[in-house]
Every structure is written in structure tokens, then in C-alpha cells.
Amino acid sequence: MTPEEKARAAAEQVAAIGMPEAGQEPSFLPHPLMDALMESVLALGGELWIERDRRRTLEALLQDKGLVSADEIESYQLSAEQRASRDEALAEMTKRVFESLKKIGATSA
């Protein structure tokens, strides 16, 4: 395929999917709120990967230094106080995450 054919094919593809004009936000799903939600999900996925990667690194360092074993990590039991603190943090995080979905539901109703 020649460069001219490639350029023409690319222009046809852009026309077919309806790329926005310069300065406009692209929209890929049927509703802009769906695009925003998808963007949030992808961002959360990226953040989750970063956190998991860091955790794996920390666990490997702790094991390599002989500070804890893999079995100790897997079998660790939180104290009642630690569990309560974790549950409180989980409830707060869940509220923050789902609060935005409530807003989306309210604007689309």
C-alpha cells in the first residue's frame, strides 16, 4: 500500500467513526456519560495495577530480606481493632466511589 493509499484509508476510517473536530472531546460510546464512566473505570484499573505491582515488590523485598515468609503473609489475621479500621476505610472508599454513580443516575433520570 502506498503512502497515499494509507492516508486515504486513514481518512476514510476517521470519517467512518466520526472523529470530533479539533478542540472537541471525542465520544466513543452512545452517551457522553458512558464515555466518562469508561474513562473512570480505565483509570481505576491503572491505579489498581500500580498498587498491586508495588505490593508485590514490597512482599518480595520482605521475603528476600527474611523478614516475613509467603506463608506468614497469606495466613496473617487482623486484630479486631485492625479489622474495624479496615472496614471503616472500606466503607468510606465505597461511598466515595458510588457517590459519583448516584450523580450520573440523577442526571440521566
PDB file of N, CA and C in Angstrom:
ATOM      1  N   MET A   1       0.846  -1.171   0.000  1.00  0.00           N
ATOM      2  CA  MET A   1       0.000   0.000   0.000  1.00  0.00           C
ATOM      3  C   MET A   1       0.897   1.242   0.000  1.00  0.00           C
ATOM      4  N   THR A   2       0.600   2.142  -0.883  1.00  0.00           N
ATOM      5  CA  THR A   2       1.396   3.363  -0.991  1.00  0.00           C
ATOM      6  C   THR A   2       1.061   4.319   0.153  1.00  0.00           C
ATOM      7  N   PRO A   3       1.932   5.291   0.402  1.00  0.00           N
ATOM      8  CA  PRO A   3       1.614   6.282   1.446  1.00  0.00           C
ATOM      9  C   PRO A   3       0.305   7.024   1.169  1.00  0.00           C
ATOM     10  N   GLU A   4       0.029   7.301  -0.095  1.00  0.00           N
ATOM     11  CA  GLU A   4      -1.215   7.997  -0.438  1.00  0.00           C
ATOM     12  C   GLU A   4      -2.425   7.119  -0.123  1.00  0.00           C
ATOM     13  N   GLU A   5      -2.315   5.822  -0.414  1.00  0.00           N
ATOM     14  CA  GLU A   5      -3.412   4.888  -0.114  1.00  0.00           C
ATOM     15  C   GLU A   5      -3.620   4.752   1.396  1.00  0.00           C
ATOM     16  N   LYS A   6      -2.514   4.723   2.140  1.00  0.00           N
ATOM     17  CA  LYS A   6      -2.613   4.653   3.593  1.00  0.00           C
ATOM     18  C   LYS A   6      -3.303   5.901   4.152  1.00  0.00           C
ATOM     19  N   ALA A   7      -2.940   7.059   3.630  1.00  0.00           N
ATOM     20  CA  ALA A   7      -3.542   8.307   4.086  1.00  0.00           C
ATOM     21  C   ALA A   7      -5.027   8.334   3.760  1.00  0.00           C
ATOM     22  N   ARG A   8      -5.381   7.881   2.557  1.00  0.00           N
ATOM     23  CA  ARG A   8      -6.786   7.857   2.147  1.00  0.00           C
ATOM     24  C   ARG A   8      -7.573   6.880   3.031  1.00  0.00           C
ATOM     25  N   ALA A   9      -7.001   5.702   3.324  1.00  0.00           N
ATOM     26  CA  ALA A   9      -7.664   4.710   4.180  1.00  0.00           C
ATOM     27  C   ALA A   9      -7.861   5.262   5.593  1.00  0.00           C
ATOM     28  N   ALA A  10      -6.839   5.960   6.098  1.00  0.00           N
ATOM     29  CA  ALA A  10      -6.950   6.551   7.429  1.00  0.00           C
ATOM     30  C   ALA A  10      -8.037   7.612   7.454  1.00  0.00           C
ATOM     31  N   ALA A  11      -8.108   8.440   6.415  1.00  0.00           N
ATOM     32  CA  ALA A  11      -9.136   9.479   6.344  1.00  0.00           C
ATOM     33  C   ALA A  11     -10.528   8.855   6.274  1.00  0.00           C
ATOM     34  N   GLU A  12     -10.662   7.770   5.546  1.00  0.00           N
ATOM     35  CA  GLU A  12     -11.955   7.079   5.457  1.00  0.00           C
ATOM     36  C   GLU A  12     -12.338   6.477   6.808  1.00  0.00           C
ATOM     37  N   GLN A  13     -11.348   5.935   7.504  1.00  0.00           N
ATOM     38  CA  GLN A  13     -11.618   5.360   8.816  1.00  0.00           C
ATOM     39  C   GLN A  13     -12.066   6.439   9.803  1.00  0.00           C
ATOM     40  N   VAL A  14     -11.391   7.577   9.790  1.00  0.00           N
ATOM     41  CA  VAL A  14     -11.761   8.689  10.668  1.00  0.00           C
ATOM     42  C   VAL A  14     -13.174   9.153  10.331  1.00  0.00           C
ATOM     43  N   ALA A  15     -13.488   9.261   9.060  1.00  0.00           N
ATOM     44  CA  ALA A  15     -14.832   9.686   8.657  1.00  0.00           C
ATOM     45  C   ALA A  15     -15.877   8.668   9.092  1.00  0.00           C
ATOM     46  N   ALA A  16     -15.550   7.392   9.010  1.00  0.00           N
ATOM     47  CA  ALA A  16     -16.499   6.340   9.366  1.00  0.00           C
ATOM     48  C   ALA A  16     -16.827   6.318  10.854  1.00  0.00           C
ATOM     49  N   ILE A  17     -15.857   6.610  11.702  1.00  0.00           N
ATOM     50  CA  ILE A  17     -16.135   6.555  13.142  1.00  0.00           C
ATOM     51  C   ILE A  17     -16.497   7.914  13.714  1.00  0.00           C
ATOM     52  N   GLY A  18     -16.505   8.931  12.883  1.00  0.00           N
ATOM     53  CA  GLY A  18     -16.975  10.242  13.318  1.00  0.00           C
ATOM     54  C   GLY A  18     -16.075  10.932  14.319  1.00  0.00           C
ATOM     55  N   MET A  19     -14.821  11.045  14.020  1.00  0.00           N
ATOM     56  CA  MET A  19     -13.903  11.737  14.920  1.00  0.00           C
ATOM     57  C   MET A  19     -14.347  13.182  15.080  1.00  0.00           C
ATOM     58  N   PRO A  20     -14.171  13.726  16.258  1.00  0.00           N
ATOM     59  CA  PRO A  20     -14.604  15.108  16.515  1.00  0.00           C
ATOM     60  C   PRO A  20     -13.693  16.116  15.819  1.00  0.00           C
ATOM     61  N   GLU A  21     -14.204  17.306  15.710  1.00  0.00           N
ATOM     62  CA  GLU A  21     -13.415  18.407  15.187  1.00  0.00           C
ATOM     63  C   GLU A  21     -12.322  18.751  16.189  1.00  0.00           C
ATOM     64  N   ALA A  22     -11.293  19.451  15.734  1.00  0.00           N
ATOM     65  CA  ALA A  22     -10.215  19.866  16.627  1.00  0.00           C
ATOM     66  C   ALA A  22     -10.792  20.670  17.787  1.00  0.00           C
ATOM     67  N   GLY A  23     -10.352  20.344  19.008  1.00  0.00           N
ATOM     68  CA  GLY A  23     -10.807  21.042  20.199  1.00  0.00           C
ATOM     69  C   GLY A  23     -12.029  20.431  20.854  1.00  0.00           C
ATOM     70  N   GLN A  24     -12.684  19.479  20.186  1.00  0.00           N
ATOM     71  CA  GLN A  24     -13.842  18.813  20.776  1.00  0.00           C
ATOM     72  C   GLN A  24     -13.403  17.525  21.469  1.00  0.00           C
ATOM     73  N   GLU A  25     -14.162  17.141  22.501  1.00  0.00           N
ATOM     74  CA  GLU A  25     -13.890  15.888  23.184  1.00  0.00           C
ATOM     75  C   GLU A  25     -14.405  14.726  22.336  1.00  0.00           C
ATOM     76  N   PRO A  26     -13.604  13.670  22.181  1.00  0.00           N
ATOM     77  CA  PRO A  26     -14.090  12.518  21.423  1.00  0.00           C
ATOM     78  C   PRO A  26     -15.157  11.769  22.217  1.00  0.00           C
ATOM     79  N   SER A  27     -16.085  11.162  21.511  1.00  0.00           N
ATOM     80  CA  SER A  27     -17.127  10.353  22.129  1.00  0.00           C
ATOM     81  C   SER A  27     -17.149   9.018  21.400  1.00  0.00           C
ATOM     82  N   PHE A  28     -16.984   7.931  22.140  1.00  0.00           N
ATOM     83  CA  PHE A  28     -16.897   6.621  21.527  1.00  0.00           C
ATOM     84  C   PHE A  28     -18.105   5.745  21.824  1.00  0.00           C
ATOM     85  N   LEU A  29     -18.819   6.043  22.897  1.00  0.00           N
ATOM     86  CA  LEU A  29     -19.972   5.250  23.293  1.00  0.00           C
ATOM     87  C   LEU A  29     -21.240   6.057  23.041  1.00  0.00           C
ATOM     88  N   PRO A  30     -22.405   5.419  23.113  1.00  0.00           N
ATOM     89  CA  PRO A  30     -23.653   6.101  22.741  1.00  0.00           C
ATOM     90  C   PRO A  30     -23.991   7.352  23.550  1.00  0.00           C
ATOM     91  N   HIS A  31     -23.472   7.469  24.760  1.00  0.00           N
ATOM     92  CA  HIS A  31     -23.801   8.624  25.597  1.00  0.00           C
ATOM     93  C   HIS A  31     -22.527   9.140  26.255  1.00  0.00           C
ATOM     94  N   PRO A  32     -22.341  10.453  26.336  1.00  0.00           N
ATOM     95  CA  PRO A  32     -21.123  11.008  26.943  1.00  0.00           C
ATOM     96  C   PRO A  32     -20.888  10.530  28.379  1.00  0.00           C
ATOM     97  N   LEU A  33     -21.960  10.280  29.137  1.00  0.00           N
ATOM     98  CA  LEU A  33     -21.780   9.771  30.494  1.00  0.00           C
ATOM     99  C   LEU A  33     -21.144   8.382  30.483  1.00  0.00           C
ATOM    100  N   MET A  34     -21.464   7.594  29.466  1.00  0.00           N
ATOM    101  CA  MET A  34     -20.852   6.273  29.346  1.00  0.00           C
ATOM    102  C   MET A  34     -19.357   6.413  29.064  1.00  0.00           C
ATOM    103  N   ASP A  35     -18.996   7.390  28.245  1.00  0.00           N
ATOM    104  CA  ASP A  35     -17.575   7.661  27.992  1.00  0.00           C
ATOM    105  C   ASP A  35     -16.866   8.052  29.288  1.00  0.00           C
ATOM    106  N   ALA A  36     -17.505   8.914  30.068  1.00  0.00           N
ATOM    107  CA  ALA A  36     -16.902   9.356  31.327  1.00  0.00           C
ATOM    108  C   ALA A  36     -16.752   8.190  32.295  1.00  0.00           C
ATOM    109  N   LEU A  37     -17.760   7.340  32.356  1.00  0.00           N
ATOM    110  CA  LEU A  37     -17.697   6.176  33.234  1.00  0.00           C
ATOM    111  C   LEU A  37     -16.595   5.221  32.786  1.00  0.00           C
ATOM    112  N   MET A  38     -16.493   4.992  31.482  1.00  0.00           N
ATOM    113  CA  MET A  38     -15.447   4.117  30.964  1.00  0.00           C
ATOM    114  C   MET A  38     -14.065   4.689  31.266  1.00  0.00           C
ATOM    115  N   GLU A  39     -13.912   5.989  31.129  1.00  0.00           N
ATOM    116  CA  GLU A  39     -12.639   6.632  31.442  1.00  0.00           C
ATOM    117  C   GLU A  39     -12.274   6.421  32.913  1.00  0.00           C
ATOM    118  N   SER A  40     -13.274   6.533  33.781  1.00  0.00           N
ATOM    119  CA  SER A  40     -13.039   6.311  35.209  1.00  0.00           C
ATOM    120  C   SER A  40     -12.645   4.870  35.492  1.00  0.00           C
ATOM    121  N   VAL A  41     -13.327   3.938  34.858  1.00  0.00           N
ATOM    122  CA  VAL A  41     -13.022   2.519  35.057  1.00  0.00           C
ATOM    123  C   VAL A  41     -11.593   2.215  34.594  1.00  0.00           C
ATOM    124  N   LEU A  42     -11.205   2.747  33.464  1.00  0.00           N
ATOM    125  CA  LEU A  42      -9.846   2.522  32.963  1.00  0.00           C
ATOM    126  C   LEU A  42      -8.807   3.154  33.884  1.00  0.00           C
ATOM    127  N   ALA A  43      -9.104   4.339  34.398  1.00  0.00           N
ATOM    128  CA  ALA A  43      -8.176   4.989  35.335  1.00  0.00           C
ATOM    129  C   ALA A  43      -8.041   4.168  36.617  1.00  0.00           C
ATOM    130  N   LEU A  44      -9.156   3.660  37.124  1.00  0.00           N
ATOM    131  CA  LEU A  44      -9.108   2.817  38.324  1.00  0.00           C
ATOM    132  C   LEU A  44      -8.325   1.537  38.070  1.00  0.00           C
ATOM    133  N   GLY A  45      -8.509   0.963  36.881  1.00  0.00           N
ATOM    134  CA  GLY A  45      -7.749  -0.236  36.534  1.00  0.00           C
ATOM    135  C   GLY A  45      -6.253   0.035  36.535  1.00  0.00           C
ATOM    136  N   GLY A  46      -5.864   1.187  36.011  1.00  0.00           N
ATOM    137  CA  GLY A  46      -4.451   1.558  36.012  1.00  0.00           C
ATOM    138  C   GLY A  46      -3.920   1.754  37.421  1.00  0.00           C
ATOM    139  N   GLU A  47      -4.709   2.409  38.251  1.00  0.00           N
ATOM    140  CA  GLU A  47      -4.305   2.615  39.642  1.00  0.00           C
ATOM    141  C   GLU A  47      -4.204   1.289  40.385  1.00  0.00           C
ATOM    142  N   LEU A  48      -5.139   0.398  40.135  1.00  0.00           N
ATOM    143  CA  LEU A  48      -5.112  -0.912  40.779  1.00  0.00           C
ATOM    144  C   LEU A  48      -3.851  -1.675  40.390  1.00  0.00           C
ATOM    145  N   TRP A  49      -3.505  -1.625  39.116  1.00  0.00           N
ATOM    146  CA  TRP A  49      -2.291  -2.304  38.677  1.00  0.00           C
ATOM    147  C   TRP A  49      -1.056  -1.743  39.398  1.00  0.00           C
ATOM    148  N   ILE A  50      -0.963  -0.428  39.502  1.00  0.00           N
ATOM    149  CA  ILE A  50       0.182   0.203  40.177  1.00  0.00           C
ATOM    150  C   ILE A  50       0.263  -0.278  41.624  1.00  0.00           C
ATOM    151  N   GLU A  51      -0.863  -0.280  42.318  1.00  0.00           N
ATOM    152  CA  GLU A  51      -0.880  -0.709  43.718  1.00  0.00           C
ATOM    153  C   GLU A  51      -0.481  -2.175  43.854  1.00  0.00           C
ATOM    154  N   ARG A  52      -1.009  -3.029  42.980  1.00  0.00           N
ATOM    155  CA  ARG A  52      -0.656  -4.452  43.045  1.00  0.00           C
ATOM    156  C   ARG A  52       0.824  -4.663  42.752  1.00  0.00           C
ATOM    157  N   ASP A  53       1.349  -3.937  41.797  1.00  0.00           N
ATOM    158  CA  ASP A  53       2.765  -4.073  41.459  1.00  0.00           C
ATOM    159  C   ASP A  53       3.642  -3.652  42.632  1.00  0.00           C
ATOM    160  N   ARG A  54       3.279  -2.554  43.275  1.00  0.00           N
ATOM    161  CA  ARG A  54       4.047  -2.092  44.444  1.00  0.00           C
ATOM    162  C   ARG A  54       3.944  -3.092  45.597  1.00  0.00           C
ATOM    163  N   ARG A  55       2.765  -3.645  45.795  1.00  0.00           N
ATOM    164  CA  ARG A  55       2.600  -4.633  46.861  1.00  0.00           C
ATOM    165  C   ARG A  55       3.453  -5.864  46.600  1.00  0.00           C
ATOM    166  N   ARG A  56       3.450  -6.335  45.363  1.00  0.00           N
ATOM    167  CA  ARG A  56       4.288  -7.492  45.019  1.00  0.00           C
ATOM    168  C   ARG A  56       5.762  -7.187  45.265  1.00  0.00           C
ATOM    169  N   THR A  57       6.187  -5.982  44.917  1.00  0.00           N
ATOM    170  CA  THR A  57       7.577  -5.582  45.146  1.00  0.00           C
ATOM    171  C   THR A  57       7.894  -5.575  46.635  1.00  0.00           C
ATOM    172  N   LEU A  58       7.015  -4.981  47.435  1.00  0.00           N
ATOM    173  CA  LEU A  58       7.229  -4.939  48.884  1.00  0.00           C
ATOM    174  C   LEU A  58       7.265  -6.343  49.485  1.00  0.00           C
ATOM    175  N   GLU A  59       6.350  -7.210  49.059  1.00  0.00           N
ATOM    176  CA  GLU A  59       6.342  -8.572  49.568  1.00  0.00           C
ATOM    177  C   GLU A  59       7.627  -9.302  49.191  1.00  0.00           C
ATOM    178  N   ALA A  60       8.085  -9.104  47.965  1.00  0.00           N
ATOM    179  CA  ALA A  60       9.327  -9.753  47.532  1.00  0.00           C
ATOM    180  C   ALA A  60      10.515  -9.243  48.345  1.00  0.00           C
ATOM    181  N   LEU A  61      10.581  -7.940  48.587  1.00  0.00           N
ATOM    182  CA  LEU A  61      11.666  -7.378  49.391  1.00  0.00           C
ATOM    183  C   LEU A  61      11.642  -7.936  50.820  1.00  0.00           C
ATOM    184  N   LEU A  62      10.463  -7.991  51.412  1.00  0.00           N
ATOM    185  CA  LEU A  62      10.341  -8.522  52.769  1.00  0.00           C
ATOM    186  C   LEU A  62      10.775  -9.989  52.827  1.00  0.00           C
ATOM    187  N   GLN A  63      10.379 -10.761  51.822  1.00  0.00           N
ATOM    188  CA  GLN A  63      10.767 -12.168  51.784  1.00  0.00           C
ATOM    189  C   GLN A  63      12.262 -12.326  51.523  1.00  0.00           C
ATOM    190  N   ASP A  64      12.807 -11.550  50.584  1.00  0.00           N
ATOM    191  CA  ASP A  64      14.239 -11.632  50.265  1.00  0.00           C
ATOM    192  C   ASP A  64      15.108 -11.278  51.465  1.00  0.00           C
ATOM    193  N   LYS A  65      14.638 -10.353  52.291  1.00  0.00           N
ATOM    194  CA  LYS A  65      15.399  -9.951  53.477  1.00  0.00           C
ATOM    195  C   LYS A  65      15.136 -10.879  54.669  1.00  0.00           C
ATOM    196  N   GLY A  66      14.278 -11.870  54.460  1.00  0.00           N
ATOM    197  CA  GLY A  66      13.981 -12.823  55.518  1.00  0.00           C
ATOM    198  C   GLY A  66      13.134 -12.257  56.636  1.00  0.00           C
ATOM    199  N   LEU A  67      12.426 -11.173  56.377  1.00  0.00           N
ATOM    200  CA  LEU A  67      11.609 -10.545  57.423  1.00  0.00           C
ATOM    201  C   LEU A  67      10.257 -11.235  57.591  1.00  0.00           C
ATOM    202  N   VAL A  68       9.693 -11.717  56.507  1.00  0.00           N
ATOM    203  CA  VAL A  68       8.442 -12.483  56.545  1.00  0.00           C
ATOM    204  C   VAL A  68       8.476 -13.525  55.438  1.00  0.00           C
ATOM    205  N   SER A  69       7.694 -14.575  55.614  1.00  0.00           N
ATOM    206  CA  SER A  69       7.589 -15.596  54.574  1.00  0.00           C
ATOM    207  C   SER A  69       6.269 -15.421  53.832  1.00  0.00           C
ATOM    208  N   ALA A  70       6.163 -16.057  52.688  1.00  0.00           N
ATOM    209  CA  ALA A  70       4.917 -16.006  51.923  1.00  0.00           C
ATOM    210  C   ALA A  70       3.768 -16.585  52.742  1.00  0.00           C
ATOM    211  N   ASP A  71       4.040 -17.647  53.502  1.00  0.00           N
ATOM    212  CA  ASP A  71       3.003 -18.246  54.344  1.00  0.00           C
ATOM    213  C   ASP A  71       2.516 -17.272  55.411  1.00  0.00           C
ATOM    214  N   GLU A  72       3.445 -16.508  55.998  1.00  0.00           N
ATOM    215  CA  GLU A  72       3.056 -15.523  57.014  1.00  0.00           C
ATOM    216  C   GLU A  72       2.149 -14.450  56.417  1.00  0.00           C
ATOM    217  N   ILE A  73       2.467 -14.024  55.206  1.00  0.00           N
ATOM    218  CA  ILE A  73       1.654 -13.006  54.534  1.00  0.00           C
ATOM    219  C   ILE A  73       0.253 -13.563  54.269  1.00  0.00           C
ATOM    220  N   GLU A  74       0.180 -14.778  53.744  1.00  0.00           N
ATOM    221  CA  GLU A  74      -1.112 -15.378  53.391  1.00  0.00           C
ATOM    222  C   GLU A  74      -1.971 -15.697  54.609  1.00  0.00           C
ATOM    223  N   SER A  75      -1.343 -16.068  55.721  1.00  0.00           N
ATOM    224  CA  SER A  75      -2.117 -16.503  56.884  1.00  0.00           C
ATOM    225  C   SER A  75      -2.309 -15.416  57.946  1.00  0.00           C
ATOM    226  N   TYR A  76      -1.825 -14.207  57.681  1.00  0.00           N
ATOM    227  CA  TYR A  76      -1.918 -13.125  58.663  1.00  0.00           C
ATOM    228  C   TYR A  76      -3.374 -12.830  58.997  1.00  0.00           C
ATOM    229  N   GLN A  77      -3.665 -12.702  60.272  1.00  0.00           N
ATOM    230  CA  GLN A  77      -5.016 -12.390  60.747  1.00  0.00           C
ATOM    231  C   GLN A  77      -5.004 -11.009  61.406  1.00  0.00           C
ATOM    232  N   LEU A  78      -5.906 -10.156  60.980  1.00  0.00           N
ATOM    233  CA  LEU A  78      -6.027  -8.826  61.582  1.00  0.00           C
ATOM    234  C   LEU A  78      -6.599  -8.939  62.986  1.00  0.00           C
ATOM    235  N   SER A  79      -6.186  -8.012  63.836  1.00  0.00           N
ATOM    236  CA  SER A  79      -6.802  -7.918  65.162  1.00  0.00           C
ATOM    237  C   SER A  79      -8.190  -7.307  64.986  1.00  0.00           C
ATOM    238  N   ALA A  80      -8.997  -7.359  66.023  1.00  0.00           N
ATOM    239  CA  ALA A  80     -10.334  -6.765  65.963  1.00  0.00           C
ATOM    240  C   ALA A  80     -10.246  -5.273  65.665  1.00  0.00           C
ATOM    241  N   GLU A  81      -9.280  -4.592  66.276  1.00  0.00           N
ATOM    242  CA  GLU A  81      -9.103  -3.153  66.047  1.00  0.00           C
ATOM    243  C   GLU A  81      -8.673  -2.887  64.597  1.00  0.00           C
ATOM    244  N   GLN A  82      -7.749  -3.681  64.089  1.00  0.00           N
ATOM    245  CA  GLN A  82      -7.302  -3.514  62.703  1.00  0.00           C
ATOM    246  C   GLN A  82      -8.450  -3.786  61.731  1.00  0.00           C
ATOM    247  N   ARG A  83      -9.243  -4.816  62.010  1.00  0.00           N
ATOM    248  CA  ARG A  83     -10.375  -5.164  61.145  1.00  0.00           C
ATOM    249  C   ARG A  83     -11.399  -4.037  61.133  1.00  0.00           C
ATOM    250  N   ALA A  84     -11.676  -3.457  62.304  1.00  0.00           N
ATOM    251  CA  ALA A  84     -12.635  -2.352  62.388  1.00  0.00           C
ATOM    252  C   ALA A  84     -12.132  -1.141  61.601  1.00  0.00           C
ATOM    253  N   SER A  85     -10.854  -0.839  61.722  1.00  0.00           N
ATOM    254  CA  SER A  85     -10.266   0.280  60.991  1.00  0.00           C
ATOM    255  C   SER A  85     -10.332   0.029  59.485  1.00  0.00           C
ATOM    256  N   ARG A  86     -10.009  -1.191  59.071  1.00  0.00           N
ATOM    257  CA  ARG A  86     -10.076  -1.545  57.654  1.00  0.00           C
ATOM    258  C   ARG A  86     -11.500  -1.452  57.137  1.00  0.00           C
ATOM    259  N   ASP A  87     -12.465  -1.957  57.903  1.00  0.00           N
ATOM    260  CA  ASP A  87     -13.862  -1.920  57.479  1.00  0.00           C
ATOM    261  C   ASP A  87     -14.364  -0.481  57.346  1.00  0.00           C
ATOM    262  N   GLU A  88     -13.924   0.386  58.243  1.00  0.00           N
ATOM    263  CA  GLU A  88     -14.301   1.801  58.168  1.00  0.00           C
ATOM    264  C   GLU A  88     -13.720   2.449  56.905  1.00  0.00           C
ATOM    265  N   ALA A  89     -12.448   2.163  56.632  1.00  0.00           N
ATOM    266  CA  ALA A  89     -11.812   2.716  55.427  1.00  0.00           C
ATOM    267  C   ALA A  89     -12.495   2.186  54.166  1.00  0.00           C
ATOM    268  N   LEU A  90     -12.883   0.910  54.169  1.00  0.00           N
ATOM    269  CA  LEU A  90     -13.584   0.324  53.020  1.00  0.00           C
ATOM    270  C   LEU A  90     -14.938   0.998  52.811  1.00  0.00           C
ATOM    271  N   ALA A  91     -15.662   1.229  53.893  1.00  0.00           N
ATOM    272  CA  ALA A  91     -16.969   1.890  53.787  1.00  0.00           C
ATOM    273  C   ALA A  91     -16.821   3.306  53.228  1.00  0.00           C
ATOM    274  N   GLU A  92     -15.802   4.027  53.677  1.00  0.00           N
ATOM    275  CA  GLU A  92     -15.571   5.386  53.171  1.00  0.00           C
ATOM    276  C   GLU A  92     -15.210   5.376  51.690  1.00  0.00           C
ATOM    277  N   MET A  93     -14.345   4.446  51.299  1.00  0.00           N
ATOM    278  CA  MET A  93     -13.951   4.349  49.893  1.00  0.00           C
ATOM    279  C   MET A  93     -15.147   3.971  49.019  1.00  0.00           C
ATOM    280  N   THR A  94     -15.944   3.016  49.480  1.00  0.00           N
ATOM    281  CA  THR A  94     -17.119   2.586  48.724  1.00  0.00           C
ATOM    282  C   THR A  94     -18.087   3.748  48.538  1.00  0.00           C
ATOM    283  N   LYS A  95     -18.289   4.533  49.590  1.00  0.00           N
ATOM    284  CA  LYS A  95     -19.173   5.698  49.494  1.00  0.00           C
ATOM    285  C   LYS A  95     -18.644   6.685  48.452  1.00  0.00           C
ATOM    286  N   ARG A  96     -17.338   6.958  48.481  1.00  0.00           N
ATOM    287  CA  ARG A  96     -16.749   7.901  47.506  1.00  0.00           C
ATOM    288  C   ARG A  96     -16.926   7.387  46.080  1.00  0.00           C
ATOM    289  N   VAL A  97     -16.681   6.116  45.863  1.00  0.00           N
ATOM    290  CA  VAL A  97     -16.763   5.554  44.510  1.00  0.00           C
ATOM    291  C   VAL A  97     -18.193   5.577  43.992  1.00  0.00           C
ATOM    292  N   PHE A  98     -19.136   5.143  44.815  1.00  0.00           N
ATOM    293  CA  PHE A  98     -20.507   5.026  44.340  1.00  0.00           C
ATOM    294  C   PHE A  98     -21.286   6.333  44.400  1.00  0.00           C
ATOM    295  N   GLU A  99     -20.781   7.321  45.118  1.00  0.00           N
ATOM    296  CA  GLU A  99     -21.431   8.624  45.146  1.00  0.00           C
ATOM    297  C   GLU A  99     -21.477   9.221  43.740  1.00  0.00           C
ATOM    298  N   SER A 100     -20.405   9.068  42.981  1.00  0.00           N
ATOM    299  CA  SER A 100     -20.387   9.609  41.618  1.00  0.00           C
ATOM    300  C   SER A 100     -21.392   8.893  40.729  1.00  0.00           C
ATOM    301  N   LEU A 101     -21.610   7.610  40.965  1.00  0.00           N
ATOM    302  CA  LEU A 101     -22.601   6.883  40.157  1.00  0.00           C
ATOM    303  C   LEU A 101     -24.011   7.343  40.484  1.00  0.00           C
ATOM    304  N   LYS A 102     -24.248   7.719  41.737  1.00  0.00           N
ATOM    305  CA  LYS A 102     -25.557   8.268  42.096  1.00  0.00           C
ATOM    306  C   LYS A 102     -25.815   9.555  41.323  1.00  0.00           C
ATOM    307  N   LYS A 103     -24.756  10.394  41.169  1.00  0.00           N
ATOM    308  CA  LYS A 103     -24.893  11.642  40.428  1.00  0.00           C
ATOM    309  C   LYS A 103     -25.233  11.372  38.973  1.00  0.00           C
ATOM    310  N   ILE A 104     -24.586  10.370  38.381  1.00  0.00           N
ATOM    311  CA  ILE A 104     -24.871  10.020  36.990  1.00  0.00           C
ATOM    312  C   ILE A 104     -26.321   9.577  36.849  1.00  0.00           C
ATOM    313  N   GLY A 105     -26.784   8.758  37.778  1.00  0.00           N
ATOM    314  CA  GLY A 105     -28.169   8.306  37.742  1.00  0.00           C
ATOM    315  C   GLY A 105     -29.152   9.449  37.870  1.00  0.00           C
ATOM    316  N   ALA A 106     -28.821  10.430  38.688  1.00  0.00           N
ATOM    317  CA  ALA A 106     -29.704  11.571  38.900  1.00  0.00           C
ATOM    318  C   ALA A 106     -29.778  12.454  37.664  1.00  0.00           C
ATOM    319  N   THR A 107     -28.664  12.593  36.932  1.00  0.00           N
ATOM    320  CA  THR A 107     -28.673  13.466  35.760  1.00  0.00           C
ATOM    321  C   THR A 107     -29.306  12.797  34.551  1.00  0.00           C
ATOM    322  N   SER A 108     -29.341  11.464  34.520  1.00  0.00           N
ATOM    323  CA  SER A 108     -29.893  10.790  33.353  1.00  0.00           C
ATOM    324  C   SER A 108     -31.354  10.426  33.553  1.00  0.00           C
ATOM    325  N   ALA A 109     -31.881  10.651  34.759  1.00  0.00           N
ATOM    326  CA  ALA A 109     -33.287  10.277  35.049  1.00  0.00           C
ATOM    327  C   ALA A 109     -34.256  11.313  34.539  1.00  0.00           C
TER     328      ALA A 109
END
